[in-house]
């Protein structure tokens, strides 16, 4: 009879072990199945409503694609890093305003500065789904052939920019 009770206890201990290991992992290191594959295609209006944007517009260029929203608290954390990066004019920095109100997004950029070459509007979040967005912010580096080479889940920090993104940009621009 005692053996009958040991099996549930053993299963419980194994499950707790898996949970403990999972909790120690960094969620920003979740591998993306899109890295190494062509960036999903789309055609969206730009935030300033003067034109539309599709990734094919930047074919032949290395560029950064940053998913952001005015309601996103973590976007405020990364914003100064993106503003500084945009001043360097290394590559086009394209924003994807995700599930946001255009008026709120425009006001947010006026208050905090606009680092984007342009910002496309993903009002219903369908493009974000195609890119596998877990939550905002997320950032992608896309090469000259339109292939995703890097994905950052969460804010781009100075460390991520200096240690991962800049070296990759230099490599891809050769």
N, C-alpha and C. Protein backbone atom coordinates (compact mmCIF):
# COMPACT_ATOMS: atom_id res chain seq x y z
N UNK A 1 0.82 -1.19 0.00
CA UNK A 1 0.00 0.00 0.00
C UNK A 1 0.86 1.26 0.00
N UNK A 2 2.01 1.22 0.66
CA UNK A 2 2.89 2.37 0.71
C UNK A 2 3.46 2.71 -0.66
N UNK A 3 3.71 1.70 -1.50
CA UNK A 3 4.25 1.93 -2.83
C UNK A 3 3.27 2.71 -3.70
N UNK A 4 2.01 2.52 -3.48
CA UNK A 4 0.98 3.23 -4.24
C UNK A 4 1.09 4.74 -4.05
N UNK A 5 1.47 5.16 -2.88
CA UNK A 5 1.57 6.59 -2.58
C UNK A 5 2.91 7.18 -3.01
N UNK A 6 3.90 6.36 -3.27
CA UNK A 6 5.21 6.85 -3.68
C UNK A 6 5.20 7.35 -5.13
N UNK A 7 4.41 6.74 -5.99
CA UNK A 7 4.37 7.17 -7.40
C UNK A 7 3.88 8.62 -7.55
N UNK A 8 2.78 9.02 -6.96
CA UNK A 8 2.36 10.43 -7.07
C UNK A 8 3.40 11.39 -6.48
N UNK A 9 4.04 10.98 -5.40
CA UNK A 9 5.08 11.81 -4.80
C UNK A 9 6.26 11.98 -5.76
N UNK A 10 6.67 10.88 -6.39
CA UNK A 10 7.79 10.93 -7.34
C UNK A 10 7.44 11.82 -8.54
N UNK A 11 6.24 11.69 -9.06
CA UNK A 11 5.80 12.52 -10.19
C UNK A 11 5.77 13.99 -9.79
N UNK A 12 5.28 14.26 -8.58
CA UNK A 12 5.24 15.64 -8.09
C UNK A 12 6.64 16.24 -7.99
N UNK A 13 7.59 15.48 -7.49
CA UNK A 13 8.97 15.96 -7.35
C UNK A 13 9.58 16.24 -8.72
N UNK A 14 9.33 15.38 -9.69
CA UNK A 14 9.84 15.60 -11.05
C UNK A 14 9.23 16.88 -11.64
N UNK A 15 7.94 17.08 -11.47
CA UNK A 15 7.29 18.29 -11.99
C UNK A 15 7.84 19.55 -11.33
N UNK A 16 8.07 19.51 -10.04
CA UNK A 16 8.66 20.65 -9.33
C UNK A 16 10.05 20.94 -9.87
N UNK A 17 10.81 19.89 -10.16
CA UNK A 17 12.14 20.06 -10.74
C UNK A 17 12.09 20.76 -12.08
N UNK A 18 11.18 20.33 -12.97
CA UNK A 18 11.02 20.99 -14.27
C UNK A 18 10.62 22.45 -14.11
N UNK A 19 9.72 22.72 -13.19
CA UNK A 19 9.28 24.09 -12.93
C UNK A 19 10.44 24.95 -12.44
N UNK A 20 11.24 24.43 -11.54
CA UNK A 20 12.38 25.17 -11.00
C UNK A 20 13.37 25.52 -12.10
N UNK A 21 13.65 24.57 -12.99
CA UNK A 21 14.57 24.82 -14.10
C UNK A 21 13.97 25.88 -15.04
N UNK A 22 12.69 25.77 -15.35
CA UNK A 22 12.03 26.72 -16.24
C UNK A 22 12.02 28.13 -15.69
N UNK A 23 11.85 28.27 -14.40
CA UNK A 23 11.80 29.60 -13.79
C UNK A 23 13.16 30.30 -13.79
N UNK A 24 14.23 29.53 -13.89
CA UNK A 24 15.57 30.12 -13.89
C UNK A 24 16.02 30.55 -15.28
N UNK A 25 15.26 30.23 -16.31
CA UNK A 25 15.64 30.57 -17.68
C UNK A 25 15.24 32.00 -18.01
N UNK A 26 16.02 32.62 -18.85
CA UNK A 26 15.77 33.99 -19.29
C UNK A 26 14.76 33.97 -20.43
N UNK A 27 13.56 34.60 -20.25
CA UNK A 27 12.54 34.56 -21.30
C UNK A 27 12.97 35.28 -22.57
N UNK A 28 13.94 36.18 -22.50
CA UNK A 28 14.39 36.88 -23.70
C UNK A 28 15.26 35.98 -24.58
N UNK A 29 15.61 34.79 -24.08
CA UNK A 29 16.43 33.87 -24.85
C UNK A 29 15.61 32.79 -25.55
N UNK A 30 14.29 33.00 -25.63
CA UNK A 30 13.43 32.05 -26.32
C UNK A 30 13.82 32.05 -27.79
N UNK A 31 14.21 30.91 -28.33
CA UNK A 31 14.61 30.90 -29.74
C UNK A 31 13.41 31.15 -30.64
N UNK A 32 13.63 31.92 -31.68
CA UNK A 32 12.57 32.21 -32.63
C UNK A 32 12.70 31.30 -33.83
N UNK A 33 11.62 30.66 -34.24
CA UNK A 33 11.68 29.83 -35.44
C UNK A 33 11.85 30.67 -36.70
N UNK A 34 11.68 31.98 -36.60
CA UNK A 34 11.79 32.85 -37.77
C UNK A 34 13.23 33.26 -38.09
N UNK A 35 14.13 33.17 -37.11
CA UNK A 35 15.51 33.56 -37.36
C UNK A 35 16.09 32.62 -38.42
N UNK A 36 16.64 33.24 -39.47
CA UNK A 36 17.18 32.47 -40.58
C UNK A 36 16.17 32.24 -41.70
N UNK A 37 14.97 32.76 -41.51
CA UNK A 37 13.92 32.60 -42.53
C UNK A 37 13.50 33.98 -43.06
N UNK A 38 12.90 34.01 -44.24
CA UNK A 38 12.45 35.30 -44.78
C UNK A 38 11.44 35.98 -43.86
N UNK A 39 11.57 37.29 -43.74
CA UNK A 39 10.64 38.06 -42.93
C UNK A 39 9.25 37.96 -43.55
N UNK A 40 8.21 37.78 -42.73
CA UNK A 40 6.86 37.74 -43.28
C UNK A 40 6.53 39.02 -44.05
N UNK A 41 5.80 38.86 -45.13
CA UNK A 41 5.43 40.01 -45.95
C UNK A 41 4.15 40.64 -45.42
N UNK A 42 4.04 41.93 -45.62
CA UNK A 42 2.84 42.68 -45.26
C UNK A 42 2.85 43.99 -46.02
N UNK A 43 1.76 44.68 -45.97
CA UNK A 43 1.64 46.02 -46.55
C UNK A 43 0.70 46.79 -45.63
N UNK A 44 1.24 47.77 -44.91
CA UNK A 44 0.47 48.50 -43.90
C UNK A 44 0.58 50.01 -44.12
N UNK A 45 -0.41 50.75 -43.63
CA UNK A 45 -0.29 52.21 -43.68
C UNK A 45 0.77 52.68 -42.69
N UNK A 46 1.41 53.79 -43.02
CA UNK A 46 2.36 54.39 -42.09
C UNK A 46 1.60 55.23 -41.07
N UNK A 47 2.22 55.44 -39.94
CA UNK A 47 1.59 56.18 -38.85
C UNK A 47 1.23 57.60 -39.27
N UNK A 48 2.07 58.21 -40.10
CA UNK A 48 1.76 59.57 -40.53
C UNK A 48 0.73 59.61 -41.65
N UNK A 49 0.25 58.44 -42.08
CA UNK A 49 -0.83 58.29 -43.07
C UNK A 49 -0.50 58.88 -44.44
N UNK A 50 0.78 59.10 -44.72
CA UNK A 50 1.14 59.66 -46.03
C UNK A 50 1.40 58.57 -47.05
N UNK A 51 1.72 57.37 -46.60
CA UNK A 51 2.07 56.30 -47.52
C UNK A 51 1.87 54.96 -46.83
N UNK A 52 2.24 53.91 -47.53
CA UNK A 52 2.19 52.56 -46.99
C UNK A 52 3.62 52.03 -46.90
N UNK A 53 3.79 50.96 -46.16
CA UNK A 53 5.10 50.33 -46.05
C UNK A 53 4.96 48.83 -46.19
N UNK A 54 5.90 48.23 -46.92
CA UNK A 54 6.04 46.78 -47.04
C UNK A 54 7.53 46.47 -46.93
N UNK A 55 7.89 45.35 -46.34
CA UNK A 55 9.31 45.00 -46.22
C UNK A 55 10.06 45.01 -47.55
N UNK A 56 9.38 44.72 -48.64
CA UNK A 56 10.04 44.73 -49.95
C UNK A 56 10.59 46.12 -50.30
N UNK A 57 10.06 47.16 -49.64
CA UNK A 57 10.54 48.54 -49.87
C UNK A 57 12.00 48.69 -49.43
N UNK A 58 12.46 47.84 -48.54
CA UNK A 58 13.84 47.92 -48.04
C UNK A 58 14.71 46.77 -48.55
N UNK A 59 14.23 46.06 -49.57
CA UNK A 59 15.01 44.98 -50.17
C UNK A 59 16.38 45.53 -50.59
N UNK A 60 17.44 44.82 -50.28
CA UNK A 60 18.79 45.26 -50.62
C UNK A 60 19.44 46.08 -49.52
N UNK A 61 18.72 46.31 -48.42
CA UNK A 61 19.27 47.05 -47.29
C UNK A 61 19.15 46.21 -46.01
N UNK A 62 20.08 46.41 -45.11
CA UNK A 62 19.97 45.86 -43.77
C UNK A 62 19.12 46.85 -42.99
N UNK A 63 18.18 46.35 -42.19
CA UNK A 63 17.34 47.26 -41.41
C UNK A 63 16.90 46.63 -40.10
N UNK A 64 16.45 47.49 -39.21
CA UNK A 64 15.96 47.05 -37.90
C UNK A 64 14.46 47.29 -37.86
N UNK A 65 13.75 46.31 -37.34
CA UNK A 65 12.28 46.35 -37.24
C UNK A 65 11.93 46.25 -35.76
N UNK A 66 11.35 47.31 -35.20
CA UNK A 66 11.07 47.40 -33.77
C UNK A 66 9.56 47.47 -33.55
N UNK A 67 9.03 46.52 -32.79
CA UNK A 67 7.60 46.49 -32.46
C UNK A 67 7.42 47.26 -31.15
N UNK A 68 6.54 48.28 -31.18
CA UNK A 68 6.36 49.15 -30.02
C UNK A 68 4.91 49.60 -29.91
N UNK A 69 4.59 50.22 -28.78
CA UNK A 69 3.26 50.79 -28.56
C UNK A 69 3.35 51.89 -27.50
N UNK A 70 2.44 52.83 -27.59
CA UNK A 70 2.44 53.93 -26.61
C UNK A 70 2.06 53.44 -25.22
N UNK A 71 1.30 52.36 -25.13
CA UNK A 71 0.87 51.82 -23.84
C UNK A 71 1.90 50.89 -23.21
N UNK A 72 3.00 50.66 -23.89
CA UNK A 72 4.02 49.70 -23.46
C UNK A 72 5.01 50.36 -22.50
N UNK A 73 5.05 49.89 -21.28
CA UNK A 73 5.96 50.44 -20.27
C UNK A 73 7.41 50.13 -20.61
N UNK A 74 7.69 48.91 -21.05
CA UNK A 74 9.07 48.52 -21.39
C UNK A 74 9.60 49.29 -22.60
N UNK A 75 8.69 49.76 -23.46
CA UNK A 75 9.12 50.54 -24.63
C UNK A 75 9.76 51.85 -24.18
N UNK A 76 9.30 52.39 -23.07
CA UNK A 76 9.91 53.61 -22.53
C UNK A 76 11.34 53.36 -22.08
N UNK A 77 11.57 52.16 -21.58
CA UNK A 77 12.91 51.79 -21.11
C UNK A 77 13.89 51.74 -22.28
N UNK A 78 13.47 51.19 -23.41
CA UNK A 78 14.39 51.04 -24.54
C UNK A 78 14.44 52.28 -25.43
N UNK A 79 13.47 53.17 -25.31
CA UNK A 79 13.36 54.30 -26.24
C UNK A 79 14.61 55.17 -26.33
N UNK A 80 15.25 55.55 -25.22
CA UNK A 80 16.48 56.35 -25.35
C UNK A 80 17.58 55.64 -26.13
N UNK A 81 17.64 54.33 -26.02
CA UNK A 81 18.64 53.56 -26.76
C UNK A 81 18.34 53.64 -28.26
N UNK A 82 17.06 53.53 -28.62
CA UNK A 82 16.67 53.62 -30.03
C UNK A 82 16.89 55.02 -30.59
N UNK A 83 16.61 56.03 -29.78
CA UNK A 83 16.83 57.42 -30.24
C UNK A 83 18.32 57.63 -30.52
N UNK A 84 19.17 57.17 -29.62
CA UNK A 84 20.62 57.31 -29.82
C UNK A 84 21.07 56.53 -31.06
N UNK A 85 20.54 55.34 -31.24
CA UNK A 85 20.89 54.53 -32.42
C UNK A 85 20.45 55.23 -33.70
N UNK A 86 19.29 55.82 -33.70
CA UNK A 86 18.79 56.47 -34.93
C UNK A 86 19.66 57.66 -35.33
N UNK A 87 20.25 58.32 -34.36
CA UNK A 87 21.13 59.47 -34.66
C UNK A 87 22.38 59.03 -35.41
N UNK A 88 22.79 57.78 -35.22
CA UNK A 88 23.98 57.26 -35.89
C UNK A 88 23.72 56.96 -37.37
N UNK A 89 22.46 56.79 -37.75
CA UNK A 89 22.06 56.51 -39.13
C UNK A 89 22.80 55.31 -39.72
N UNK A 90 22.97 54.26 -38.94
CA UNK A 90 23.63 53.05 -39.40
C UNK A 90 22.77 52.31 -40.42
N UNK A 91 21.50 52.13 -40.06
CA UNK A 91 20.54 51.42 -40.90
C UNK A 91 19.17 52.04 -40.68
N UNK A 92 18.23 51.82 -41.61
CA UNK A 92 16.86 52.29 -41.34
C UNK A 92 16.29 51.58 -40.11
N UNK A 93 15.61 52.34 -39.29
CA UNK A 93 14.94 51.80 -38.10
C UNK A 93 13.44 51.97 -38.34
N UNK A 94 12.78 50.86 -38.57
CA UNK A 94 11.35 50.87 -38.89
C UNK A 94 10.58 50.41 -37.66
N UNK A 95 9.56 51.17 -37.32
CA UNK A 95 8.71 50.82 -36.19
C UNK A 95 7.46 50.10 -36.66
N UNK A 96 6.94 49.24 -35.82
CA UNK A 96 5.64 48.63 -36.03
C UNK A 96 4.81 48.98 -34.81
N UNK A 97 3.93 49.95 -34.98
CA UNK A 97 3.07 50.39 -33.88
C UNK A 97 1.98 49.34 -33.72
N UNK A 98 2.05 48.63 -32.59
CA UNK A 98 1.29 47.40 -32.37
C UNK A 98 0.05 47.61 -31.51
N UNK A 99 -1.13 47.32 -32.07
CA UNK A 99 -2.40 47.37 -31.34
C UNK A 99 -2.53 48.67 -30.54
N UNK A 100 -2.36 49.77 -31.21
CA UNK A 100 -2.33 51.08 -30.56
C UNK A 100 -3.29 52.03 -31.28
N UNK A 101 -3.64 53.09 -30.64
CA UNK A 101 -4.42 54.15 -31.27
C UNK A 101 -3.45 55.10 -31.96
N UNK A 102 -3.63 55.38 -33.24
CA UNK A 102 -2.69 56.26 -33.94
C UNK A 102 -2.47 57.61 -33.25
N UNK A 103 -3.50 58.20 -32.72
CA UNK A 103 -3.35 59.49 -32.04
C UNK A 103 -2.45 59.36 -30.81
N UNK A 104 -2.62 58.28 -30.06
CA UNK A 104 -1.78 58.04 -28.88
C UNK A 104 -0.33 57.81 -29.29
N UNK A 105 -0.13 57.06 -30.37
CA UNK A 105 1.22 56.77 -30.84
C UNK A 105 1.92 58.04 -31.31
N UNK A 106 1.22 58.88 -32.04
CA UNK A 106 1.81 60.13 -32.53
C UNK A 106 2.19 61.03 -31.37
N UNK A 107 1.31 61.15 -30.39
CA UNK A 107 1.57 61.98 -29.21
C UNK A 107 2.77 61.44 -28.44
N UNK A 108 2.85 60.13 -28.30
CA UNK A 108 3.96 59.50 -27.59
C UNK A 108 5.29 59.82 -28.27
N UNK A 109 5.32 59.73 -29.60
CA UNK A 109 6.55 60.04 -30.34
C UNK A 109 6.90 61.53 -30.25
N UNK A 110 5.90 62.38 -30.23
CA UNK A 110 6.17 63.82 -30.07
C UNK A 110 6.80 64.11 -28.72
N UNK A 111 6.32 63.45 -27.69
CA UNK A 111 6.83 63.68 -26.33
C UNK A 111 8.22 63.09 -26.10
N UNK A 112 8.46 61.90 -26.64
CA UNK A 112 9.69 61.16 -26.33
C UNK A 112 10.73 61.18 -27.44
N UNK A 113 10.39 61.70 -28.60
CA UNK A 113 11.29 61.70 -29.74
C UNK A 113 10.96 60.55 -30.66
N UNK A 114 11.17 60.77 -31.95
CA UNK A 114 10.84 59.75 -32.93
C UNK A 114 12.12 59.19 -33.55
N UNK A 115 12.52 57.99 -33.15
CA UNK A 115 13.74 57.40 -33.70
C UNK A 115 13.54 56.72 -35.05
N UNK A 116 12.28 56.56 -35.46
CA UNK A 116 11.97 55.72 -36.61
C UNK A 116 12.09 56.45 -37.95
N UNK A 117 12.64 55.73 -38.92
CA UNK A 117 12.64 56.19 -40.29
C UNK A 117 11.18 56.30 -40.73
N UNK A 118 10.38 55.34 -40.33
CA UNK A 118 8.94 55.33 -40.51
C UNK A 118 8.36 54.35 -39.52
N UNK A 119 7.07 54.46 -39.27
CA UNK A 119 6.40 53.53 -38.38
C UNK A 119 5.11 53.07 -39.05
N UNK A 120 4.97 51.77 -39.22
CA UNK A 120 3.78 51.18 -39.80
C UNK A 120 2.76 50.90 -38.69
N UNK A 121 1.49 50.90 -39.04
CA UNK A 121 0.42 50.71 -38.06
C UNK A 121 -0.16 49.30 -38.18
N UNK A 122 0.00 48.53 -37.11
CA UNK A 122 -0.57 47.18 -37.02
C UNK A 122 -1.71 47.21 -36.02
N UNK A 123 -2.83 47.83 -36.42
CA UNK A 123 -3.94 48.08 -35.51
C UNK A 123 -4.56 46.81 -34.94
N UNK A 124 -4.66 45.77 -35.75
CA UNK A 124 -5.30 44.54 -35.27
C UNK A 124 -4.32 43.48 -34.80
N UNK A 125 -3.02 43.74 -34.94
CA UNK A 125 -2.00 42.82 -34.44
C UNK A 125 -1.70 41.63 -35.34
N UNK A 126 -2.26 41.59 -36.53
CA UNK A 126 -2.03 40.43 -37.42
C UNK A 126 -0.58 40.30 -37.87
N UNK A 127 0.06 41.43 -38.16
CA UNK A 127 1.47 41.37 -38.57
C UNK A 127 2.34 40.92 -37.40
N UNK A 128 2.02 41.40 -36.21
CA UNK A 128 2.73 40.95 -35.02
C UNK A 128 2.62 39.45 -34.84
N UNK A 129 1.46 38.89 -35.10
CA UNK A 129 1.27 37.45 -35.00
C UNK A 129 2.15 36.74 -36.03
N UNK A 130 2.19 37.27 -37.25
CA UNK A 130 3.03 36.67 -38.29
C UNK A 130 4.50 36.66 -37.91
N UNK A 131 4.93 37.68 -37.16
CA UNK A 131 6.32 37.77 -36.73
C UNK A 131 6.58 37.03 -35.42
N UNK A 132 5.56 36.43 -34.86
CA UNK A 132 5.73 35.67 -33.62
C UNK A 132 5.95 36.55 -32.41
N UNK A 133 5.34 37.73 -32.40
CA UNK A 133 5.52 38.66 -31.29
C UNK A 133 4.88 38.09 -30.03
N UNK A 134 5.71 37.98 -28.98
CA UNK A 134 5.23 37.52 -27.67
C UNK A 134 4.63 38.68 -26.89
N UNK A 135 5.19 39.85 -27.09
CA UNK A 135 4.77 41.07 -26.40
C UNK A 135 5.70 42.18 -26.81
N UNK A 136 5.30 43.39 -26.58
CA UNK A 136 6.14 44.51 -26.99
C UNK A 136 7.03 44.93 -25.82
N UNK A 137 8.22 45.42 -26.09
CA UNK A 137 8.84 45.57 -27.40
C UNK A 137 9.54 44.29 -27.85
N UNK A 138 9.66 44.17 -29.15
CA UNK A 138 10.48 43.14 -29.77
C UNK A 138 11.18 43.78 -30.95
N UNK A 139 12.39 43.32 -31.22
CA UNK A 139 13.20 43.93 -32.27
C UNK A 139 13.84 42.85 -33.13
N UNK A 140 13.86 43.11 -34.43
CA UNK A 140 14.41 42.18 -35.41
C UNK A 140 15.45 42.90 -36.25
N UNK A 141 16.51 42.17 -36.60
CA UNK A 141 17.47 42.66 -37.59
C UNK A 141 17.21 41.85 -38.85
N UNK A 142 17.00 42.56 -39.95
CA UNK A 142 16.66 41.93 -41.23
C UNK A 142 17.75 42.27 -42.23
N UNK A 143 18.24 41.25 -42.93
CA UNK A 143 19.37 41.45 -43.85
C UNK A 143 18.92 41.93 -45.23
N UNK A 144 19.89 42.11 -46.13
CA UNK A 144 19.63 42.65 -47.46
C UNK A 144 18.69 41.78 -48.29
N UNK A 145 18.67 40.49 -48.00
CA UNK A 145 17.80 39.56 -48.74
C UNK A 145 16.42 39.43 -48.10
N UNK A 146 16.19 40.17 -47.01
CA UNK A 146 14.89 40.09 -46.34
C UNK A 146 14.77 38.94 -45.37
N UNK A 147 15.90 38.43 -44.89
CA UNK A 147 15.91 37.31 -43.95
C UNK A 147 16.13 37.85 -42.53
N UNK A 148 15.34 37.35 -41.60
CA UNK A 148 15.50 37.73 -40.19
C UNK A 148 16.78 37.09 -39.66
N UNK A 149 17.68 37.91 -39.13
CA UNK A 149 18.95 37.40 -38.62
C UNK A 149 19.06 37.44 -37.11
N UNK A 150 18.17 38.21 -36.46
CA UNK A 150 18.25 38.35 -35.01
C UNK A 150 16.90 38.79 -34.49
N UNK A 151 16.53 38.29 -33.31
CA UNK A 151 15.30 38.72 -32.64
C UNK A 151 15.61 38.99 -31.18
N UNK A 152 15.22 40.15 -30.72
CA UNK A 152 15.36 40.52 -29.31
C UNK A 152 13.97 40.59 -28.72
N UNK A 153 13.71 39.75 -27.74
CA UNK A 153 12.45 39.80 -27.01
C UNK A 153 12.68 40.70 -25.81
N UNK A 154 11.85 41.73 -25.67
CA UNK A 154 12.01 42.68 -24.58
C UNK A 154 12.83 43.87 -25.05
N UNK A 155 13.09 44.79 -24.14
CA UNK A 155 13.78 46.03 -24.51
C UNK A 155 15.19 45.82 -25.03
N UNK A 156 15.55 46.63 -26.01
CA UNK A 156 16.94 46.69 -26.47
C UNK A 156 17.68 47.56 -25.46
N UNK A 157 18.68 46.99 -24.83
CA UNK A 157 19.50 47.73 -23.88
C UNK A 157 20.80 48.15 -24.58
N UNK A 158 21.55 49.00 -23.93
CA UNK A 158 22.85 49.39 -24.51
C UNK A 158 23.76 48.16 -24.68
N UNK A 159 23.68 47.23 -23.73
CA UNK A 159 24.51 46.03 -23.80
C UNK A 159 24.12 45.18 -25.02
N UNK A 160 22.83 44.98 -25.21
CA UNK A 160 22.36 44.19 -26.36
C UNK A 160 22.76 44.89 -27.66
N UNK A 161 22.62 46.19 -27.67
CA UNK A 161 22.99 46.96 -28.86
C UNK A 161 24.48 46.82 -29.16
N UNK A 162 25.31 47.01 -28.14
CA UNK A 162 26.76 46.96 -28.34
C UNK A 162 27.31 45.56 -28.57
N UNK A 163 26.75 44.57 -27.88
CA UNK A 163 27.30 43.22 -27.94
C UNK A 163 26.70 42.34 -29.02
N UNK A 164 25.47 42.61 -29.43
CA UNK A 164 24.81 41.74 -30.40
C UNK A 164 24.42 42.46 -31.69
N UNK A 165 23.70 43.56 -31.56
CA UNK A 165 23.12 44.19 -32.75
C UNK A 165 24.17 44.90 -33.60
N UNK A 166 24.99 45.76 -33.01
CA UNK A 166 26.02 46.48 -33.81
C UNK A 166 26.97 45.54 -34.55
N UNK A 167 27.53 44.52 -33.85
CA UNK A 167 28.42 43.61 -34.58
C UNK A 167 27.70 42.89 -35.74
N UNK A 168 26.46 42.53 -35.51
CA UNK A 168 25.70 41.87 -36.57
C UNK A 168 25.44 42.82 -37.73
N UNK A 169 25.10 44.06 -37.44
CA UNK A 169 24.88 45.04 -38.51
C UNK A 169 26.14 45.22 -39.36
N UNK A 170 27.28 45.32 -38.70
CA UNK A 170 28.55 45.47 -39.43
C UNK A 170 28.82 44.27 -40.33
N UNK A 171 28.57 43.09 -39.79
CA UNK A 171 28.77 41.86 -40.56
C UNK A 171 27.84 41.81 -41.77
N UNK A 172 26.58 42.15 -41.57
CA UNK A 172 25.59 42.06 -42.64
C UNK A 172 25.77 43.13 -43.72
N UNK A 173 26.39 44.23 -43.36
CA UNK A 173 26.57 45.32 -44.34
C UNK A 173 27.78 45.11 -45.24
N UNK A 174 28.58 44.10 -44.98
CA UNK A 174 29.76 43.83 -45.83
C UNK A 174 29.36 43.38 -47.20
